[in-house]
Each structure stands twice: as structure tokens, then as C-alpha cells.
C-alpha atoms as a PDB file:
ATOM      1  CA  MET A   1      24.939  25.054  15.691  1.00  0.00           C
ATOM      2  CA  PRO A   2      23.569  27.717  13.289  1.00  0.00           C
ATOM      3  CA  PHE A   3      21.270  26.501  10.526  1.00  0.00           C
ATOM      4  CA  SER A   4      23.682  27.393   7.702  1.00  0.00           C
ATOM      5  CA  LYS A   5      26.514  25.371   9.229  1.00  0.00           C
ATOM      6  CA  LEU A   6      24.235  22.436   9.947  1.00  0.00           C
ATOM      7  CA  VAL A   7      23.032  22.389   6.345  1.00  0.00           C
ATOM      8  CA  ASP A   8      26.573  22.511   4.983  1.00  0.00           C
ATOM      9  CA  ALA A   9      27.606  19.631   7.239  1.00  0.00           C
ATOM     10  CA  PHE A  10      24.441  17.718   6.339  1.00  0.00           C
ATOM     11  CA  ARG A  11      25.195  18.082   2.625  1.00  0.00           C
ATOM     12  CA  GLY A  12      28.691  16.804   3.293  1.00  0.00           C
ATOM     13  CA  GLY A  13      27.403  13.612   4.879  1.00  0.00           C
ATOM     14  CA  ASP A  14      27.909  14.493   8.547  1.00  0.00           C
ATOM     15  CA  ALA A  15      25.509  12.106  10.315  1.00  0.00           C
ATOM     16  CA  ALA A  16      25.535  13.969  13.636  1.00  0.00           C
ATOM     17  CA  ALA A  17      24.717  17.269  11.942  1.00  0.00           C
ATOM     18  CA  GLY A  18      22.005  15.575   9.908  1.00  0.00           C
ATOM     19  CA  ASN A  19      20.424  14.071  13.005  1.00  0.00           C
ATOM     20  CA  GLU A  20      20.448  17.420  14.768  1.00  0.00           C
ATOM     21  CA  LEU A  21      19.050  19.266  11.751  1.00  0.00           C
ATOM     22  CA  LEU A  22      16.307  16.778  10.918  1.00  0.00           C
ATOM     23  CA  GLY A  23      15.464  16.363  14.588  1.00  0.00           C
ATOM     24  CA  ARG A  24      14.295  19.967  14.614  1.00  0.00           C
ATOM     25  CA  TYR A  25      11.682  19.091  11.992  1.00  0.00           C
ATOM     26  CA  ARG A  26      10.537  15.730  13.364  1.00  0.00           C
ATOM     27  CA  PRO A  27       7.463  17.028  15.309  1.00  0.00           C
ATOM     28  CA  TRP A  28       6.392  19.060  12.250  1.00  0.00           C
ATOM     29  CA  LEU A  29       6.786  16.117   9.883  1.00  0.00           C
ATOM     30  CA  LYS A  30       4.909  13.891  12.316  1.00  0.00           C
ATOM     31  CA  LEU A  31       2.021  16.340  12.520  1.00  0.00           C
ATOM     32  CA  LEU A  32       1.791  16.842   8.760  1.00  0.00           C
ATOM     33  CA  ALA A  33       1.947  13.092   8.217  1.00  0.00           C
ATOM     34  CA  ARG A  34      -0.891  12.585  10.669  1.00  0.00           C
ATOM     35  CA  LEU A  35      -3.086  15.263   9.101  1.00  0.00           C
ATOM     36  CA  GLN A  36      -2.676  13.703   5.664  1.00  0.00           C
ATOM     37  CA  GLY A  37      -2.290  10.042   6.540  1.00  0.00           C
ATOM     38  CA  GLU A  38      -5.361   9.560   8.711  1.00  0.00           C
ATOM     39  CA  GLY A  39      -7.590  10.574   5.806  1.00  0.00           C
ATOM     40  CA  SER A  40      -5.790   8.522   3.159  1.00  0.00           C
ATOM     41  CA  LEU A  41      -4.939   5.406   5.188  1.00  0.00           C
ATOM     42  CA  PRO A  42      -7.851   4.755   7.570  1.00  0.00           C
ATOM     43  CA  GLY A  43      -6.932   2.158  10.156  1.00  0.00           C
ATOM     44  CA  LYS A  44      -3.533   1.536   8.547  1.00  0.00           C
ATOM     45  CA  PHE A  45      -1.631   4.710   9.314  1.00  0.00           C
ATOM     46  CA  ASP A  46       1.634   4.751  11.233  1.00  0.00           C
ATOM     47  CA  GLY A  47       3.033   8.270  11.204  1.00  0.00           C
ATOM     48  CA  SER A  48       6.277   7.251  12.890  1.00  0.00           C
ATOM     49  CA  ASP A  49       7.180   4.869  10.065  1.00  0.00           C
ATOM     50  CA  ILE A  50       6.434   7.491   7.405  1.00  0.00           C
ATOM     51  CA  VAL A  51       8.453  10.149   9.205  1.00  0.00           C
ATOM     52  CA  GLN A  52      11.352   7.739   9.608  1.00  0.00           C
ATOM     53  CA  GLN A  53      11.228   6.944   5.893  1.00  0.00           C
ATOM     54  CA  THR A  54      11.138  10.657   5.098  1.00  0.00           C
ATOM     55  CA  MET A  55      14.226  11.287   7.185  1.00  0.00           C
ATOM     56  CA  LEU A  56      16.097   8.352   5.631  1.00  0.00           C
ATOM     57  CA  GLU A  57      15.291   9.658   2.154  1.00  0.00           C
ATOM     58  CA  ALA A  58      16.442  13.129   3.195  1.00  0.00           C
ATOM     59  CA  PHE A  59      19.800  11.691   4.289  1.00  0.00           C
ATOM     60  CA  ARG A  60      20.181   9.884   0.971  1.00  0.00           C
ATOM     61  CA  ALA A  61      19.324  13.017  -1.008  1.00  0.00           C
ATOM     62  CA  ALA A  62      21.232  15.484   1.195  1.00  0.00           C
ATOM     63  CA  SER A  63      23.543  16.628  -1.590  1.00  0.00           C
ATOM     64  CA  GLN A  64      20.517  17.477  -3.764  1.00  0.00           C
ATOM     65  CA  PHE A  65      19.261  20.201  -1.436  1.00  0.00           C
ATOM     66  CA  LEU A  66      20.429  23.431  -3.071  1.00  0.00           C
ATOM     67  CA  GLY A  67      18.591  25.970  -0.930  1.00  0.00           C
ATOM     68  CA  HIS A  68      19.928  28.161   1.849  1.00  0.00           C
ATOM     69  CA  SER A  69      17.011  29.199   4.071  1.00  0.00           C
ATOM     70  CA  GLU A  70      14.998  27.317   6.667  1.00  0.00           C
ATOM     71  CA  ALA A  71      11.852  27.911   4.602  1.00  0.00           C
ATOM     72  CA  GLU A  72      13.486  26.271   1.572  1.00  0.00           C
ATOM     73  CA  PHE A  73      14.602  23.328   3.690  1.00  0.00           C
ATOM     74  CA  ALA A  74      11.098  22.877   5.100  1.00  0.00           C
ATOM     75  CA  THR A  75       9.638  22.927   1.585  1.00  0.00           C
ATOM     76  CA  TRP A  76      12.182  20.320   0.472  1.00  0.00           C
ATOM     77  CA  LEU A  77      11.344  18.057   3.402  1.00  0.00           C
ATOM     78  CA  ARG A  78       7.626  18.439   2.749  1.00  0.00           C
ATOM     79  CA  GLN A  79       8.145  17.222  -0.818  1.00  0.00           C
ATOM     80  CA  ILE A  80      10.003  14.155   0.439  1.00  0.00           C
ATOM     81  CA  LEU A  81       7.187  13.529   2.920  1.00  0.00           C
ATOM     82  CA  ALA A  82       4.649  13.728   0.081  1.00  0.00           C
ATOM     83  CA  HIS A  83       6.575  11.048  -1.827  1.00  0.00           C
ATOM     84  CA  ALA A  84       6.763   8.829   1.279  1.00  0.00           C
ATOM     85  CA  LEU A  85       3.021   9.192   1.834  1.00  0.00           C
ATOM     86  CA  GLN A  86       2.302   8.395  -1.801  1.00  0.00           C
ATOM     87  CA  HIS A  87       4.438   5.245  -1.585  1.00  0.00           C
ATOM     88  CA  GLU A  88       2.556   4.124   1.537  1.00  0.00           C
ATOM     89  CA  ILE A  89      -0.811   4.776  -0.123  1.00  0.00           C
ATOM     90  CA  ARG A  90       0.234   2.736  -3.189  1.00  0.00           C
ATOM     91  CA  ARG A  91       1.331  -0.114  -0.920  1.00  0.00           C
ATOM     92  CA  TYR A  92      -1.900   0.008   1.065  1.00  0.00           C
ATOM     93  CA  ARG A  93      -4.047   0.022  -2.039  1.00  0.00           C
ATOM     94  CA  GLY A  94      -2.115  -2.824  -3.624  1.00  0.00           C
ATOM     95  CA  THR A  95      -0.773  -1.057  -6.694  1.00  0.00           C
ATOM     96  CA  GLU A  96       2.727  -0.134  -7.718  1.00  0.00           C
ATOM     97  CA  LYS A  97       1.645   2.209 -10.477  1.00  0.00           C
ATOM     98  CA  ARG A  98       2.786   5.726  -9.796  1.00  0.00           C
ATOM     99  CA  ASP A  99      -0.137   8.171  -9.778  1.00  0.00           C
ATOM    100  CA  VAL A 100       1.468  11.539 -10.482  1.00  0.00           C
ATOM    101  CA  SER A 101      -1.806  13.436 -10.120  1.00  0.00           C
ATOM    102  CA  ARG A 102      -2.344  11.884  -6.695  1.00  0.00           C
ATOM    103  CA  GLU A 103       1.203  12.738  -5.680  1.00  0.00           C
ATOM    104  CA  VAL A 104       0.649  16.355  -6.676  1.00  0.00           C
ATOM    105  CA  SER A 105      -2.629  16.294  -4.742  1.00  0.00           C
ATOM    106  CA  ILE A 106      -0.859  15.090  -1.602  1.00  0.00           C
ATOM    107  CA  ASP A 107       1.688  17.878  -1.921  1.00  0.00           C
ATOM    108  CA  ASP A 108      -1.157  20.396  -2.282  1.00  0.00           C
ATOM    109  CA  GLU A 109      -2.897  18.951   0.767  1.00  0.00           C
ATOM    110  CA  LEU A 110       0.312  19.170   2.784  1.00  0.00           C
ATOM    111  CA  ASN A 111       0.596  22.817   1.733  1.00  0.00           C
ATOM    112  CA  ARG A 112      -2.926  23.408   2.986  1.00  0.00           C
ATOM    113  CA  SER A 113      -2.059  21.717   6.275  1.00  0.00           C
ATOM    114  CA  SER A 114       0.899  24.085   6.587  1.00  0.00           C
ATOM    115  CA  ASP A 115      -1.428  27.009   5.922  1.00  0.00           C
ATOM    116  CA  ARG A 116      -3.723  25.847   8.740  1.00  0.00           C
ATOM    117  CA  LEU A 117      -0.745  25.657  11.082  1.00  0.00           C
ATOM    118  CA  ARG A 118       0.223  29.232  10.276  1.00  0.00           C
ATOM    119  CA  ALA A 119      -3.389  30.391  10.583  1.00  0.00           C
ATOM    120  CA  LEU A 120      -3.638  28.836  14.029  1.00  0.00           C
ATOM    121  CA  LEU A 121      -0.492  30.596  15.180  1.00  0.00           C
ATOM    122  CA  ALA A 122      -1.691  33.903  13.726  1.00  0.00           C
ATOM    123  CA  ALA A 123      -5.170  33.676  15.220  1.00  0.00           C
ATOM    124  CA  ASP A 124      -4.441  36.002  18.140  1.00  0.00           C
ATOM    125  CA  GLU A 125      -3.167  39.180  16.427  1.00  0.00           C
ATOM    126  CA  PRO A 126       0.521  38.302  16.452  1.00  0.00           C
ATOM    127  CA  SER A 127       3.226  40.872  16.877  1.00  0.00           C
ATOM    128  CA  PRO A 128       5.521  41.705  13.922  1.00  0.00           C
ATOM    129  CA  SER A 129       8.208  39.396  15.251  1.00  0.00           C
ATOM    130  CA  GLN A 130       5.691  36.560  15.539  1.00  0.00           C
ATOM    131  CA  LYS A 131       4.528  37.216  11.986  1.00  0.00           C
ATOM    132  CA  ALA A 132       8.097  36.843  10.764  1.00  0.00           C
ATOM    133  CA  ILE A 133       8.350  33.485  12.516  1.00  0.00           C
ATOM    134  CA  LEU A 134       5.010  32.337  11.132  1.00  0.00           C
ATOM    135  CA  ASN A 135       5.830  33.281   7.562  1.00  0.00           C
ATOM    136  CA  GLU A 136       9.169  31.448   7.648  1.00  0.00           C
ATOM    137  CA  GLN A 137       8.363  28.233   9.457  1.00  0.00           C
ATOM    138  CA  GLU A 138       5.253  26.713  10.940  1.00  0.00           C
ATOM    139  CA  VAL A 139       7.670  24.199  12.421  1.00  0.00           C
ATOM    140  CA  LEU A 140       7.432  26.238  15.631  1.00  0.00           C
ATOM    141  CA  LEU A 141       3.812  25.285  16.215  1.00  0.00           C
ATOM    142  CA  ALA A 142       4.398  21.576  15.759  1.00  0.00           C
ATOM    143  CA  ASP A 143       7.221  21.734  18.299  1.00  0.00           C
ATOM    144  CA  ILE A 144       5.016  23.596  20.796  1.00  0.00           C
ATOM    145  CA  LEU A 145       2.106  21.207  20.226  1.00  0.00           C
ATOM    146  CA  GLU A 146       4.424  18.258  20.831  1.00  0.00           C
ATOM    147  CA  ARG A 147       5.172  19.647  24.310  1.00  0.00           C
ATOM    148  CA  LEU A 148       1.530  20.255  25.290  1.00  0.00           C
ATOM    149  CA  PRO A 149      -0.399  17.753  27.434  1.00  0.00           C
ATOM    150  CA  ASP A 150      -1.813  14.986  25.254  1.00  0.00           C
ATOM    151  CA  ASP A 151      -5.466  16.036  25.605  1.00  0.00           C
ATOM    152  CA  TYR A 152      -4.648  19.668  24.808  1.00  0.00           C
ATOM    153  CA  ARG A 153      -2.721  18.682  21.698  1.00  0.00           C
ATOM    154  CA  GLU A 154      -5.440  16.274  20.573  1.00  0.00           C
ATOM    155  CA  VAL A 155      -8.316  18.732  20.883  1.00  0.00           C
ATOM    156  CA  ILE A 156      -6.406  21.411  18.952  1.00  0.00           C
ATOM    157  CA  VAL A 157      -5.431  18.986  16.190  1.00  0.00           C
ATOM    158  CA  LEU A 158      -8.970  17.673  15.821  1.00  0.00           C
ATOM    159  CA  ARG A 159     -10.784  20.991  16.094  1.00  0.00           C
ATOM    160  CA  ASN A 160      -8.397  23.479  14.459  1.00  0.00           C
ATOM    161  CA  LEU A 161      -6.269  21.424  12.093  1.00  0.00           C
ATOM    162  CA  GLN A 162      -8.722  18.741  11.010  1.00  0.00           C
ATOM    163  CA  ASN A 163     -11.680  21.160  11.156  1.00  0.00           C
ATOM    164  CA  LEU A 164     -13.939  18.712  12.988  1.00  0.00           C
ATOM    165  CA  SER A 165     -17.067  19.909  14.780  1.00  0.00           C
ATOM    166  CA  HIS A 166     -17.148  20.024  18.577  1.00  0.00           C
ATOM    167  CA  GLU A 167     -19.600  17.122  18.443  1.00  0.00           C
ATOM    168  CA  GLU A 168     -17.236  14.983  16.388  1.00  0.00           C
ATOM    169  CA  VAL A 169     -14.284  15.930  18.599  1.00  0.00           C
ATOM    170  CA  ALA A 170     -16.290  14.886  21.653  1.00  0.00           C
ATOM    171  CA  ARG A 171     -17.054  11.536  20.005  1.00  0.00           C
ATOM    172  CA  ARG A 172     -13.413  10.976  19.020  1.00  0.00           C
ATOM    173  CA  MET A 173     -12.159  11.847  22.500  1.00  0.00           C
ATOM    174  CA  ASN A 174     -14.972  10.011  24.286  1.00  0.00           C
ATOM    175  CA  ARG A 175     -15.918  13.089  26.302  1.00  0.00           C
ATOM    176  CA  GLY A 176     -19.021  15.162  26.848  1.00  0.00           C
ATOM    177  CA  LEU A 177     -19.647  18.096  24.524  1.00  0.00           C
ATOM    178  CA  GLY A 178     -19.377  20.684  27.298  1.00  0.00           C
ATOM    179  CA  ALA A 179     -16.160  19.132  28.586  1.00  0.00           C
ATOM    180  CA  VAL A 180     -14.630  19.246  25.113  1.00  0.00           C
ATOM    181  CA  ARG A 181     -15.572  22.909  24.643  1.00  0.00           C
ATOM    182  CA  MET A 182     -13.906  23.832  27.939  1.00  0.00           C
ATOM    183  CA  LEU A 183     -10.874  21.689  27.143  1.00  0.00           C
ATOM    184  CA  TRP A 184     -10.521  23.427  23.768  1.00  0.00           C
ATOM    185  CA  VAL A 185     -10.651  26.894  25.358  1.00  0.00           C
ATOM    186  CA  ARG A 186      -8.023  25.923  27.927  1.00  0.00           C
ATOM    187  CA  ALA A 187      -5.847  24.277  25.288  1.00  0.00           C
ATOM    188  CA  LEU A 188      -5.868  27.368  23.051  1.00  0.00           C
ATOM    189  CA  ALA A 189      -5.038  29.579  26.022  1.00  0.00           C
ATOM    190  CA  ARG A 190      -2.090  27.323  26.905  1.00  0.00           C
ATOM    191  CA  LEU A 191      -0.954  27.257  23.279  1.00  0.00           C
ATOM    192  CA  ARG A 192      -0.957  31.050  23.016  1.00  0.00           C
ATOM    193  CA  LYS A 193       0.896  31.324  26.313  1.00  0.00           C
ATOM    194  CA  GLU A 194       3.576  28.974  25.006  1.00  0.00           C
ATOM    195  CA  ILE A 195       3.820  30.922  21.744  1.00  0.00           C
ATOM    196  CA  LYS A 196       4.316  34.190  23.617  1.00  0.00           C
ATOM    197  CA  SER A 197       6.855  32.533  25.897  1.00  0.00           C
ATOM    198  CA  GLN A 198       8.752  31.258  22.855  1.00  0.00           C
ATOM    199  CA  GLU A 199       8.713  34.725  21.334  1.00  0.00           C
ATOM    200  CA  GLY A 200       9.994  36.304  24.536  1.00  0.00           C
ATOM    201  CA  GLY A 201      12.762  33.735  24.824  1.00  0.00           C
ATOM    202  CA  GLY A 202      13.777  34.450  21.242  1.00  0.00           C
ATOM    203  CA  ASN A 203      14.110  38.137  22.007  1.00  0.00           C
ATOM    204  CA  ASN A 204      16.454  37.678  24.937  1.00  0.00           C
END
């Protein structure tokens, strides 16, 4: 179903439409939650729970979404995710006091994570049609990453999205430094192949 029709049905309380619409953003929300949550909730982070809470809140607030584009919808969801993360941080730290400055900071950090997603997609001189996709929704990358082999996805997340050194990535993945470097090269090549394949499929 086209995005505009899904959004209209979602606003009207159609559960099936809402599940289909939000399902498109689940890998992206999961990735953003991981990038933010692992730094703020060491040893306590469960991205699945936070994403589920985000989606429940989105259902409850469906009628409040007044935008029309996919970019506006993604921004709206990212704000809900920021609130869910802030609630989890308050619970973890044992305080119920709302820290507005921290909430704004989380939203800023999520924006920066989105920027890193777009930068990763744009790293290989994208075509004009790819640029249009990148500017509108980095959701594409999260979906592609979700489909990659686990070790490919992990090395890209750690190296490119969390900006860790090769040495730290090797330690996290319990691999040799040379093996991690080769894995990273292969993972990026696979990622770019999948991006180009996605672009070609979209042009058919």
C-alpha cells in the first residue's frame, strides 16, 4: 500500500495499516536505539523493548502526526524514540525527574546517528537517484544492514557508526586485527552491492 494511504489509515486507527507502516521502520529504530542506548545504558540496554515501547507510543499518538512525507514521519518516530530512551535512562538511574536538557541531547545524538547513516550510504559517490533516497530516509540502510550476515553488520556498526578503532572492533568481536580489517572491507563491499541492487530494483 502506498505511504500516503498507509498514513491515513494509521491515523484512523487501522491496526493492520499501522503494523505494516511501523514495520518498515523497525530495523531503523532498532539501529538508532542501539547506537544511543549502548552508550547511555551500559550493561542494561535492551533495544527490542525500547523499540516496542516506541511503536506502542506511536500507535497511541497516531492522530497527532500531521505530516505527509516519509521524512516527516521518520522525524516524528525519532522524537518518540528519544522520549522512550529518556524514560529508560531515568528508570535505570533511579530518578523520575524529567531532565529536559538530557532529552534534547538524546534527540540531537539521534540526529547525529542519522547523519552517520546517510554518510555511510553516500560514501561511494552515489548516483543522483541514490542521493534522493539518502536525503529522504536513511531507513534504507538500516533495512539493508538488517539483512546482512551478522558479522558484516556488526563490523560496520562498530567501525562506521560507532566510530571505534580497528583495534577496539577486534577486541569487541574477539578477532585478530588483520581478520577484522579484511572483514570490514568485505562487509563494505557487500553493503555497497546491496545498495546498488536496491537502487536498480527501484528503477524497474
